[in-house]
C-alpha atoms as a PDB file:
ATOM      1  CA  MET A   1     -89.848   6.306-102.877  1.00  0.00           C
ATOM      2  CA  ALA A   2     -89.750   4.991-106.431  1.00  0.00           C
ATOM      3  CA  ARG A   3     -93.016   3.138-105.899  1.00  0.00           C
ATOM      4  CA  GLN A   4     -94.711   6.387-104.867  1.00  0.00           C
ATOM      5  CA  VAL A   5     -93.538   8.012-108.079  1.00  0.00           C
ATOM      6  CA  LEU A   6     -94.855   5.105-110.153  1.00  0.00           C
ATOM      7  CA  GLY A   7     -98.273   5.395-108.564  1.00  0.00           C
ATOM      8  CA  ARG A   8     -98.737   9.049-109.471  1.00  0.00           C
ATOM      9  CA  PRO A   9    -101.289  10.076-112.098  1.00  0.00           C
ATOM     10  CA  LEU A  10     -99.061  13.064-112.976  1.00  0.00           C
ATOM     11  CA  VAL A  11     -95.313  13.543-113.365  1.00  0.00           C
ATOM     12  CA  THR A  12     -93.598  16.886-113.786  1.00  0.00           C
ATOM     13  CA  ALA A  13     -91.426  17.906-116.723  1.00  0.00           C
ATOM     14  CA  LYS A  14     -88.534  18.233-114.255  1.00  0.00           C
ATOM     15  CA  TRP A  15     -88.969  14.641-113.071  1.00  0.00           C
ATOM     16  CA  LEU A  16     -89.193  13.251-116.602  1.00  0.00           C
ATOM     17  CA  SER A  17     -86.288  15.376-117.822  1.00  0.00           C
ATOM     18  CA  GLU A  18     -84.097  13.984-115.054  1.00  0.00           C
ATOM     19  CA  ALA A  19     -85.178  10.449-116.002  1.00  0.00           C
ATOM     20  CA  VAL A  20     -84.320  11.120-119.667  1.00  0.00           C
ATOM     21  CA  ARG A  21     -80.912  12.581-118.814  1.00  0.00           C
ATOM     22  CA  ALA A  22     -80.169   9.672-116.490  1.00  0.00           C
ATOM     23  CA  GLY A  23     -80.890   7.196-119.285  1.00  0.00           C
ATOM     24  CA  ARG A  24     -83.831   5.617-117.490  1.00  0.00           C
ATOM     25  CA  VAL A  25     -86.113   5.541-120.543  1.00  0.00           C
ATOM     26  CA  GLY A  26     -86.231   1.898-121.547  1.00  0.00           C
ATOM     27  CA  ALA A  27     -88.015  -1.292-120.555  1.00  0.00           C
ATOM     28  CA  GLY A  28     -88.908   0.128-117.132  1.00  0.00           C
ATOM     29  CA  LEU A  29     -89.999   3.569-118.323  1.00  0.00           C
ATOM     30  CA  ARG A  30     -91.673   4.268-121.637  1.00  0.00           C
ATOM     31  CA  VAL A  31     -92.703   7.711-122.867  1.00  0.00           C
ATOM     32  CA  LEU A  32     -95.573   7.892-125.362  1.00  0.00           C
ATOM     33  CA  ASP A  33     -96.690  10.828-127.492  1.00  0.00           C
ATOM     34  CA  ALA A  34    -100.471  10.433-127.769  1.00  0.00           C
ATOM     35  CA  SER A  35    -101.106  13.545-129.875  1.00  0.00           C
ATOM     36  CA  TRP A  36    -104.018  13.676-132.315  1.00  0.00           C
ATOM     37  CA  TYR A  37    -105.287  16.636-134.315  1.00  0.00           C
ATOM     38  CA  PRO A  38    -107.914  17.164-137.021  1.00  0.00           C
ATOM     39  CA  PRO A  39    -106.070  16.193-140.247  1.00  0.00           C
ATOM     40  CA  GLN A  40    -106.769  19.547-141.864  1.00  0.00           C
ATOM     41  CA  GLU A  41    -105.107  21.381-138.954  1.00  0.00           C
ATOM     42  CA  ARG A  42    -101.987  19.478-137.917  1.00  0.00           C
ATOM     43  CA  ASN A  43    -100.212  16.178-138.607  1.00  0.00           C
ATOM     44  CA  ALA A  44     -99.431  14.556-135.269  1.00  0.00           C
ATOM     45  CA  ARG A  45     -97.199  11.788-136.611  1.00  0.00           C
ATOM     46  CA  GLN A  46     -95.187  14.188-138.760  1.00  0.00           C
ATOM     47  CA  GLU A  47     -94.701  16.576-135.837  1.00  0.00           C
ATOM     48  CA  PHE A  48     -93.530  13.642-133.742  1.00  0.00           C
ATOM     49  CA  LYS A  49     -90.937  12.731-136.372  1.00  0.00           C
ATOM     50  CA  GLU A  50     -89.650  16.292-136.352  1.00  0.00           C
ATOM     51  CA  ARG A  51     -89.570  16.847-132.602  1.00  0.00           C
ATOM     52  CA  HIS A  52     -90.370  14.798-129.526  1.00  0.00           C
ATOM     53  CA  ILE A  53     -89.113  13.884-126.059  1.00  0.00           C
ATOM     54  CA  PRO A  54     -85.947  11.745-126.356  1.00  0.00           C
ATOM     55  CA  GLY A  55     -86.762   8.038-126.226  1.00  0.00           C
ATOM     56  CA  ALA A  56     -90.498   8.587-126.801  1.00  0.00           C
ATOM     57  CA  SER A  57     -92.642   6.466-129.125  1.00  0.00           C
ATOM     58  CA  PHE A  58     -95.753   7.563-131.005  1.00  0.00           C
ATOM     59  CA  PHE A  59     -99.011   6.196-129.590  1.00  0.00           C
ATOM     60  CA  ASP A  60    -101.355   6.340-132.576  1.00  0.00           C
ATOM     61  CA  ILE A  61    -104.905   6.573-131.293  1.00  0.00           C
ATOM     62  CA  GLU A  62    -106.113   5.981-134.867  1.00  0.00           C
ATOM     63  CA  GLU A  63    -104.454   2.563-134.797  1.00  0.00           C
ATOM     64  CA  CYS A  64    -105.222   1.633-131.188  1.00  0.00           C
ATOM     65  CA  ARG A  65    -109.017   1.623-131.448  1.00  0.00           C
ATOM     66  CA  ASP A  66    -111.951  -0.492-132.565  1.00  0.00           C
ATOM     67  CA  LYS A  67    -111.912   0.157-136.299  1.00  0.00           C
ATOM     68  CA  SER A  68    -115.114  -1.827-136.803  1.00  0.00           C
ATOM     69  CA  SER A  69    -117.126   0.658-134.732  1.00  0.00           C
ATOM     70  CA  PRO A  70    -119.021   3.491-136.438  1.00  0.00           C
ATOM     71  CA  TYR A  71    -117.941   5.772-133.577  1.00  0.00           C
ATOM     72  CA  ASP A  72    -114.569   7.474-133.203  1.00  0.00           C
ATOM     73  CA  PHE A  73    -111.835   6.137-130.930  1.00  0.00           C
ATOM     74  CA  MET A  74    -113.778   3.332-129.243  1.00  0.00           C
ATOM     75  CA  LEU A  75    -111.651   1.001-127.125  1.00  0.00           C
ATOM     76  CA  PRO A  76    -109.982  -1.817-129.059  1.00  0.00           C
ATOM     77  CA  SER A  77    -110.155  -5.443-127.937  1.00  0.00           C
ATOM     78  CA  GLU A  78    -107.862  -6.703-125.176  1.00  0.00           C
ATOM     79  CA  SER A  79    -105.704  -8.541-127.712  1.00  0.00           C
ATOM     80  CA  HIS A  80    -105.472  -5.511-130.025  1.00  0.00           C
ATOM     81  CA  PHE A  81    -104.387  -3.230-127.175  1.00  0.00           C
ATOM     82  CA  ALA A  82    -101.931  -5.786-125.783  1.00  0.00           C
ATOM     83  CA  ASP A  83    -100.332  -6.336-129.173  1.00  0.00           C
ATOM     84  CA  TYR A  84    -100.165  -2.615-129.968  1.00  0.00           C
ATOM     85  CA  VAL A  85     -98.552  -1.426-126.732  1.00  0.00           C
ATOM     86  CA  GLY A  86     -96.307  -4.498-126.631  1.00  0.00           C
ATOM     87  CA  ARG A  87     -94.829  -3.354-129.946  1.00  0.00           C
ATOM     88  CA  LEU A  88     -94.118  -0.003-128.277  1.00  0.00           C
ATOM     89  CA  GLY A  89     -92.026  -1.805-125.669  1.00  0.00           C
ATOM     90  CA  VAL A  90     -94.606  -1.648-122.888  1.00  0.00           C
ATOM     91  CA  SER A  91     -94.907  -4.619-120.525  1.00  0.00           C
ATOM     92  CA  ASN A  92     -97.078  -4.953-117.426  1.00  0.00           C
ATOM     93  CA  ASP A  93     -94.094  -3.828-115.342  1.00  0.00           C
ATOM     94  CA  THR A  94     -93.407  -0.666-117.359  1.00  0.00           C
ATOM     95  CA  HIS A  95     -94.065   2.814-115.993  1.00  0.00           C
ATOM     96  CA  VAL A  96     -95.777   4.608-118.874  1.00  0.00           C
ATOM     97  CA  VAL A  97     -95.715   8.402-119.202  1.00  0.00           C
ATOM     98  CA  VAL A  98     -98.075   9.882-121.807  1.00  0.00           C
ATOM     99  CA  TYR A  99     -98.162  13.384-123.230  1.00  0.00           C
ATOM    100  CA  ASP A 100     -99.452  15.299-126.245  1.00  0.00           C
ATOM    101  CA  GLY A 101     -98.559  18.453-128.131  1.00  0.00           C
ATOM    102  CA  ASP A 102    -101.868  20.285-127.933  1.00  0.00           C
ATOM    103  CA  GLU A 103    -101.700  24.059-127.536  1.00  0.00           C
ATOM    104  CA  LEU A 104    -103.848  23.776-124.393  1.00  0.00           C
ATOM    105  CA  GLY A 105    -101.076  21.770-122.738  1.00  0.00           C
ATOM    106  CA  THR A 106    -103.001  18.519-122.487  1.00  0.00           C
ATOM    107  CA  PHE A 107    -105.832  17.131-124.613  1.00  0.00           C
ATOM    108  CA  TYR A 108    -105.460  13.497-125.746  1.00  0.00           C
ATOM    109  CA  ALA A 109    -102.965  12.293-123.125  1.00  0.00           C
ATOM    110  CA  PRO A 110    -105.654  11.637-120.467  1.00  0.00           C
ATOM    111  CA  ARG A 111    -107.432   9.383-122.982  1.00  0.00           C
ATOM    112  CA  ALA A 112    -104.293   7.261-123.382  1.00  0.00           C
ATOM    113  CA  TRP A 113    -103.841   7.321-119.578  1.00  0.00           C
ATOM    114  CA  TRP A 114    -107.410   6.048-119.103  1.00  0.00           C
ATOM    115  CA  MET A 115    -107.012   3.395-121.816  1.00  0.00           C
ATOM    116  CA  PHE A 116    -104.023   1.891-120.017  1.00  0.00           C
ATOM    117  CA  ARG A 117    -105.948   1.900-116.741  1.00  0.00           C
ATOM    118  CA  ALA A 118    -109.017   0.397-118.430  1.00  0.00           C
ATOM    119  CA  PHE A 119    -106.852  -2.505-119.595  1.00  0.00           C
ATOM    120  CA  GLY A 120    -105.488  -3.113-116.112  1.00  0.00           C
ATOM    121  CA  HIS A 121    -102.256  -1.096-116.165  1.00  0.00           C
ATOM    122  CA  LYS A 122    -101.657   0.845-112.959  1.00  0.00           C
ATOM    123  CA  GLU A 123     -98.277   2.473-113.495  1.00  0.00           C
ATOM    124  CA  VAL A 124     -99.262   5.181-115.967  1.00  0.00           C
ATOM    125  CA  SER A 125     -98.849   8.942-115.644  1.00  0.00           C
ATOM    126  CA  VAL A 126     -99.683  12.062-117.639  1.00  0.00           C
ATOM    127  CA  LEU A 127     -96.919  14.605-118.190  1.00  0.00           C
ATOM    128  CA  ASN A 128     -98.261  17.662-116.377  1.00  0.00           C
ATOM    129  CA  GLY A 129     -98.299  20.607-118.773  1.00  0.00           C
ATOM    130  CA  GLY A 130     -97.662  18.491-121.855  1.00  0.00           C
ATOM    131  CA  PHE A 131     -95.121  18.959-124.608  1.00  0.00           C
ATOM    132  CA  LYS A 132     -95.916  22.665-124.856  1.00  0.00           C
ATOM    133  CA  ASN A 133     -94.498  23.302-121.400  1.00  0.00           C
ATOM    134  CA  TRP A 134     -91.719  20.737-121.849  1.00  0.00           C
ATOM    135  CA  VAL A 135     -90.394  22.876-124.684  1.00  0.00           C
ATOM    136  CA  LYS A 136     -91.134  26.149-122.897  1.00  0.00           C
ATOM    137  CA  GLU A 137     -89.065  25.026-119.907  1.00  0.00           C
ATOM    138  CA  GLY A 138     -86.126  24.183-122.149  1.00  0.00           C
ATOM    139  CA  HIS A 139     -86.078  20.407-121.769  1.00  0.00           C
ATOM    140  CA  PRO A 140     -84.421  18.327-124.528  1.00  0.00           C
ATOM    141  CA  VAL A 141     -86.147  17.367-127.771  1.00  0.00           C
ATOM    142  CA  THR A 142     -84.983  15.183-130.638  1.00  0.00           C
ATOM    143  CA  ALA A 143     -85.922  14.054-134.140  1.00  0.00           C
ATOM    144  CA  GLU A 144     -84.283  10.677-133.568  1.00  0.00           C
ATOM    145  CA  VAL A 145     -86.885   7.917-133.569  1.00  0.00           C
ATOM    146  CA  SER A 146     -86.064   5.150-131.126  1.00  0.00           C
ATOM    147  CA  GLN A 147     -86.861   1.492-131.785  1.00  0.00           C
ATOM    148  CA  PRO A 148     -87.970  -0.022-128.476  1.00  0.00           C
ATOM    149  CA  ALA A 149     -87.535  -3.742-127.963  1.00  0.00           C
ATOM    150  CA  PRO A 150     -90.953  -5.443-128.169  1.00  0.00           C
ATOM    151  CA  ALA A 151     -92.458  -6.521-124.861  1.00  0.00           C
ATOM    152  CA  ILE A 152     -95.294  -8.755-123.716  1.00  0.00           C
ATOM    153  CA  PHE A 153     -98.328  -6.939-122.323  1.00  0.00           C
ATOM    154  CA  LYS A 154    -101.285  -8.851-120.930  1.00  0.00           C
ATOM    155  CA  ALA A 155    -104.488  -6.810-121.091  1.00  0.00           C
ATOM    156  CA  LYS A 156    -107.548  -7.404-118.939  1.00  0.00           C
ATOM    157  CA  LEU A 157    -110.431  -4.982-119.424  1.00  0.00           C
ATOM    158  CA  ASN A 158    -111.710  -3.490-116.184  1.00  0.00           C
ATOM    159  CA  THR A 159    -115.382  -3.137-117.086  1.00  0.00           C
ATOM    160  CA  ALA A 160    -115.965  -0.972-113.987  1.00  0.00           C
ATOM    161  CA  LEU A 161    -114.125   1.858-115.764  1.00  0.00           C
ATOM    162  CA  VAL A 162    -116.202   1.665-118.967  1.00  0.00           C
ATOM    163  CA  LYS A 163    -119.897   2.388-119.474  1.00  0.00           C
ATOM    164  CA  THR A 164    -121.911   1.077-122.409  1.00  0.00           C
ATOM    165  CA  PHE A 165    -124.887   2.673-124.135  1.00  0.00           C
ATOM    166  CA  GLU A 166    -127.200   0.161-122.442  1.00  0.00           C
ATOM    167  CA  GLU A 167    -125.888   1.053-118.987  1.00  0.00           C
ATOM    168  CA  MET A 168    -126.278   4.768-119.711  1.00  0.00           C
ATOM    169  CA  ILE A 169    -129.877   4.292-120.908  1.00  0.00           C
ATOM    170  CA  GLN A 170    -130.690   2.298-117.781  1.00  0.00           C
ATOM    171  CA  ASN A 171    -129.169   5.006-115.587  1.00  0.00           C
ATOM    172  CA  VAL A 172    -131.522   7.689-116.935  1.00  0.00           C
ATOM    173  CA  GLY A 173    -134.290   5.956-115.011  1.00  0.00           C
ATOM    174  CA  SER A 174    -132.362   4.501-112.080  1.00  0.00           C
ATOM    175  CA  LEU A 175    -129.876   7.345-111.425  1.00  0.00           C
ATOM    176  CA  ARG A 176    -127.444   4.835-109.924  1.00  0.00           C
ATOM    177  CA  PHE A 177    -124.475   6.990-110.861  1.00  0.00           C
ATOM    178  CA  GLN A 178    -123.780  10.672-111.490  1.00  0.00           C
ATOM    179  CA  VAL A 179    -122.935  11.768-115.032  1.00  0.00           C
ATOM    180  CA  VAL A 180    -120.543  14.635-115.797  1.00  0.00           C
ATOM    181  CA  ASP A 181    -120.222  15.970-119.360  1.00  0.00           C
ATOM    182  CA  SER A 182    -116.881  17.609-120.192  1.00  0.00           C
ATOM    183  CA  ARG A 183    -117.887  19.440-123.386  1.00  0.00           C
ATOM    184  CA  PRO A 184    -118.101  23.241-123.706  1.00  0.00           C
ATOM    185  CA  GLU A 185    -121.292  24.735-122.277  1.00  0.00           C
ATOM    186  CA  GLY A 186    -122.852  25.591-125.653  1.00  0.00           C
ATOM    187  CA  ARG A 187    -122.557  22.022-126.872  1.00  0.00           C
ATOM    188  CA  PHE A 188    -123.879  20.660-123.583  1.00  0.00           C
ATOM    189  CA  ARG A 189    -126.887  22.984-123.700  1.00  0.00           C
ATOM    190  CA  GLY A 190    -127.503  22.285-127.375  1.00  0.00           C
ATOM    191  CA  THR A 191    -127.076  25.868-128.540  1.00  0.00           C
ATOM    192  CA  GLU A 192    -124.112  25.177-130.845  1.00  0.00           C
ATOM    193  CA  LEU A 193    -123.204  22.370-133.214  1.00  0.00           C
ATOM    194  CA  ASP A 194    -120.744  19.749-131.981  1.00  0.00           C
ATOM    195  CA  GLN A 195    -118.391  19.130-134.924  1.00  0.00           C
ATOM    196  CA  GLY A 196    -121.323  19.184-137.332  1.00  0.00           C
ATOM    197  CA  LEU A 197    -123.542  17.138-135.038  1.00  0.00           C
ATOM    198  CA  GLU A 198    -126.647  18.475-133.305  1.00  0.00           C
ATOM    199  CA  SER A 199    -125.755  18.845-129.661  1.00  0.00           C
ATOM    200  CA  GLY A 200    -127.408  18.525-126.278  1.00  0.00           C
ATOM    201  CA  HIS A 201    -126.909  16.214-123.337  1.00  0.00           C
ATOM    202  CA  ILE A 202    -127.992  13.093-121.508  1.00  0.00           C
ATOM    203  CA  PRO A 203    -130.853  13.724-119.019  1.00  0.00           C
ATOM    204  CA  GLY A 204    -129.510  14.400-115.522  1.00  0.00           C
ATOM    205  CA  ALA A 205    -125.941  15.106-116.649  1.00  0.00           C
ATOM    206  CA  VAL A 206    -123.903  17.916-115.087  1.00  0.00           C
ATOM    207  CA  ASN A 207    -121.636  20.088-117.231  1.00  0.00           C
ATOM    208  CA  ILE A 208    -118.004  20.693-116.240  1.00  0.00           C
ATOM    209  CA  PRO A 209    -116.006  21.741-119.327  1.00  0.00           C
ATOM    210  CA  PHE A 210    -112.662  19.933-119.206  1.00  0.00           C
ATOM    211  CA  ARG A 211    -110.720  23.178-119.520  1.00  0.00           C
ATOM    212  CA  SER A 212    -111.994  24.042-116.027  1.00  0.00           C
ATOM    213  CA  PHE A 213    -109.334  21.734-114.625  1.00  0.00           C
ATOM    214  CA  LEU A 214    -106.424  23.356-116.482  1.00  0.00           C
ATOM    215  CA  THR A 215    -104.534  26.492-115.519  1.00  0.00           C
ATOM    216  CA  GLU A 216    -103.761  29.210-118.066  1.00  0.00           C
ATOM    217  CA  THR A 217    -100.343  27.601-118.586  1.00  0.00           C
ATOM    218  CA  GLY A 218    -101.880  24.211-119.362  1.00  0.00           C
ATOM    219  CA  HIS A 219    -101.046  22.454-116.093  1.00  0.00           C
ATOM    220  CA  GLU A 220    -103.550  20.647-113.900  1.00  0.00           C
ATOM    221  CA  LYS A 221    -105.029  22.828-111.198  1.00  0.00           C
ATOM    222  CA  SER A 222    -104.326  22.040-107.541  1.00  0.00           C
ATOM    223  CA  ILE A 223    -106.272  19.303-105.793  1.00  0.00           C
ATOM    224  CA  GLU A 224    -108.012  21.938-103.652  1.00  0.00           C
ATOM    225  CA  GLU A 225    -109.131  23.864-106.737  1.00  0.00           C
ATOM    226  CA  ILE A 226    -110.345  20.687-108.439  1.00  0.00           C
ATOM    227  CA  GLN A 227    -112.305  19.623-105.363  1.00  0.00           C
ATOM    228  CA  GLU A 228    -113.956  23.037-105.271  1.00  0.00           C
ATOM    229  CA  ILE A 229    -114.977  22.736-108.944  1.00  0.00           C
ATOM    230  CA  PHE A 230    -116.716  19.432-108.231  1.00  0.00           C
ATOM    231  CA  ARG A 231    -118.335  20.869-105.093  1.00  0.00           C
ATOM    232  CA  GLU A 232    -119.679  23.893-106.958  1.00  0.00           C
ATOM    233  CA  LYS A 233    -121.351  21.568-109.463  1.00  0.00           C
ATOM    234  CA  LYS A 234    -122.700  19.425-106.613  1.00  0.00           C
ATOM    235  CA  VAL A 235    -120.792  16.356-107.805  1.00  0.00           C
ATOM    236  CA  ASP A 236    -120.204  13.996-104.881  1.00  0.00           C
ATOM    237  CA  LEU A 237    -116.853  12.232-105.279  1.00  0.00           C
ATOM    238  CA  SER A 238    -117.846   9.691-102.650  1.00  0.00           C
ATOM    239  CA  LYS A 239    -120.542   8.339-104.968  1.00  0.00           C
ATOM    240  CA  PRO A 240    -120.422   6.534-108.362  1.00  0.00           C
ATOM    241  CA  LEU A 241    -119.502   8.810-111.257  1.00  0.00           C
ATOM    242  CA  THR A 242    -119.337   8.430-115.034  1.00  0.00           C
ATOM    243  CA  ALA A 243    -117.812  10.934-117.458  1.00  0.00           C
ATOM    244  CA  THR A 244    -118.968  11.631-121.010  1.00  0.00           C
ATOM    245  CA  CYS A 245    -118.152  14.058-123.837  1.00  0.00           C
ATOM    246  CA  ARG A 246    -118.293  13.998-127.655  1.00  0.00           C
ATOM    247  CA  LYS A 247    -116.213  10.870-128.369  1.00  0.00           C
ATOM    248  CA  GLY A 248    -114.787   9.643-125.072  1.00  0.00           C
ATOM    249  CA  VAL A 249    -111.651  11.804-125.098  1.00  0.00           C
ATOM    250  CA  THR A 250    -112.091  14.896-122.923  1.00  0.00           C
ATOM    251  CA  ALA A 251    -114.275  12.815-120.579  1.00  0.00           C
ATOM    252  CA  CYS A 252    -110.969  11.296-119.489  1.00  0.00           C
ATOM    253  CA  HIS A 253    -109.981  14.707-118.102  1.00  0.00           C
ATOM    254  CA  ILE A 254    -112.855  14.283-115.635  1.00  0.00           C
ATOM    255  CA  ALA A 255    -111.544  10.851-114.674  1.00  0.00           C
ATOM    256  CA  LEU A 256    -108.023  12.252-114.213  1.00  0.00           C
ATOM    257  CA  ALA A 257    -109.206  15.217-112.155  1.00  0.00           C
ATOM    258  CA  ALA A 258    -111.231  12.946-109.873  1.00  0.00           C
ATOM    259  CA  TYR A 259    -108.273  10.555-109.607  1.00  0.00           C
ATOM    260  CA  LEU A 260    -106.112  13.429-108.366  1.00  0.00           C
ATOM    261  CA  CYS A 261    -108.698  13.896-105.608  1.00  0.00           C
ATOM    262  CA  GLY A 262    -108.386  10.241-104.631  1.00  0.00           C
ATOM    263  CA  LYS A 263    -111.367   8.880-106.590  1.00  0.00           C
ATOM    264  CA  ARG A 264    -109.950   6.149-108.809  1.00  0.00           C
ATOM    265  CA  ASP A 265    -113.127   4.491-110.058  1.00  0.00           C
ATOM    266  CA  VAL A 266    -114.620   7.061-112.441  1.00  0.00           C
ATOM    267  CA  ALA A 267    -116.010   5.304-115.505  1.00  0.00           C
ATOM    268  CA  VAL A 268    -116.025   6.761-119.015  1.00  0.00           C
ATOM    269  CA  TYR A 269    -118.941   6.361-121.405  1.00  0.00           C
ATOM    270  CA  ASP A 270    -116.852   5.313-124.371  1.00  0.00           C
ATOM    271  CA  GLY A 271    -119.419   6.065-127.085  1.00  0.00           C
ATOM    272  CA  SER A 272    -120.358   9.401-125.490  1.00  0.00           C
ATOM    273  CA  TRP A 273    -122.524  11.888-127.410  1.00  0.00           C
ATOM    274  CA  SER A 274    -121.493  10.455-130.793  1.00  0.00           C
ATOM    275  CA  GLU A 275    -123.247   7.208-129.940  1.00  0.00           C
ATOM    276  CA  TRP A 276    -125.977   8.699-127.755  1.00  0.00           C
ATOM    277  CA  PHE A 277    -127.138  11.073-130.495  1.00  0.00           C
ATOM    278  CA  HIS A 278    -127.535   8.243-132.991  1.00  0.00           C
ATOM    279  CA  ARG A 279    -129.042   5.613-130.681  1.00  0.00           C
ATOM    280  CA  ALA A 280    -130.971   7.263-127.850  1.00  0.00           C
ATOM    281  CA  PRO A 281    -134.694   8.072-128.084  1.00  0.00           C
ATOM    282  CA  ALA A 282    -135.464  11.745-128.805  1.00  0.00           C
ATOM    283  CA  ARG A 283    -136.815  12.253-125.267  1.00  0.00           C
ATOM    284  CA  TYR A 284    -133.374  11.336-123.908  1.00  0.00           C
ATOM    285  CA  LYS A 285    -131.614  14.135-125.789  1.00  0.00           C
ATOM    286  CA  VAL A 286    -131.887  17.369-123.822  1.00  0.00           C
ATOM    287  CA  SER A 287    -131.420  20.474-125.961  1.00  0.00           C
ATOM    288  CA  GLU A 288    -132.306  24.095-125.326  1.00  0.00           C
ATOM    289  CA  LEU A 289    -132.324  24.718-129.065  1.00  0.00           C
ATOM    290  CA  LYS A 290    -135.191  22.299-129.606  1.00  0.00           C
ATOM    291  CA  ARG A 291    -137.111  23.850-126.736  1.00  0.00           C
ATOM    292  CA  ASN A 292    -136.583  27.320-128.147  1.00  0.00           C
ATOM    293  CA  LYS A 293    -137.792  26.206-131.585  1.00  0.00           C
ATOM    294  CA  ALA A 294    -140.907  24.751-130.018  1.00  0.00           C
END
C-alpha cells in the first residue's frame, strides 16, 4: 500500500497531515515549499519563515536554476540540482511532497514536481490544494525552521521530458509532437502583453490555460474532467505532447494534468515563450495583434 502512495502525483492534505502528526517527515519523506512570487508583491522566503508545514524546507527556485541563462528559471545542471536538493535532505529514496502558497491553490509546485521527475526522481507528489487549503482545513503550521540532515542525491537528466529551442523549431515543420500552451487566452492570441513582453504563440500550438485544470477551491479537477478538457481541445493523450508557457512554470500544470490521466511522458519546453520570442523567426510568432495592425 505504501508503494502506491509513493507513486501518486498528488497527495491530500489529510494524508500529509497524518504523516506530519505521526512523525514521518524525515529522511524518507521530505516536504518542500516551492513558493515564488513577484518581489514587489510577496516575499516567499519570509512567508515561509513565518508560517509553513511542520518539517518543511524552502525550495528556492531562484537558487535551483541555471543562473547563466538569460531566461528565467531554466533547469540547472545535474550536479547543481543534486547538490541543492541533497542539502535539503533529499536522497534518491526520499518521497518528496511539494507545495506552494499561491492564492490559486497551486502555481509553482508543479514546476518543482516536474524538475524532480526531469532529474530522474519518481517518488514526488504535489500537495493537492496547496498551502491555502492546508490552512483552511485547519492543519498544523509552524514558524520553526527544521535543519534536515544532508543526503546524497544522484541526478540524471531525462531528456525525453525536456524540449530545447532547436527541437521546437524543428517541430514547426515536422509536427512530430503536439504543443499545448498553458498561458491565458489573451497572451496566447497576442492581444495582451505577457509581463511586458509582446505575446503570441508557436505555430500549431493549442491553448489550454492552466487554471482550466483547477477547481474554484484550488484543487485539481477529477481525472474525468481533465480528460474532457483535453478532448475538447482535440489533444490526443496517446500521442507525443509538449507543454509550453511564458517561462516553463505553468506548462508543468499541463504535464501534471496529463500524468493524472496516465500519460507520464509529457515534455516541457523549458525556455518557453521567453526564449521563443527572442530567438524564433518572425514568421514563427503567431499573433492576432500583428494581423490586426496589418
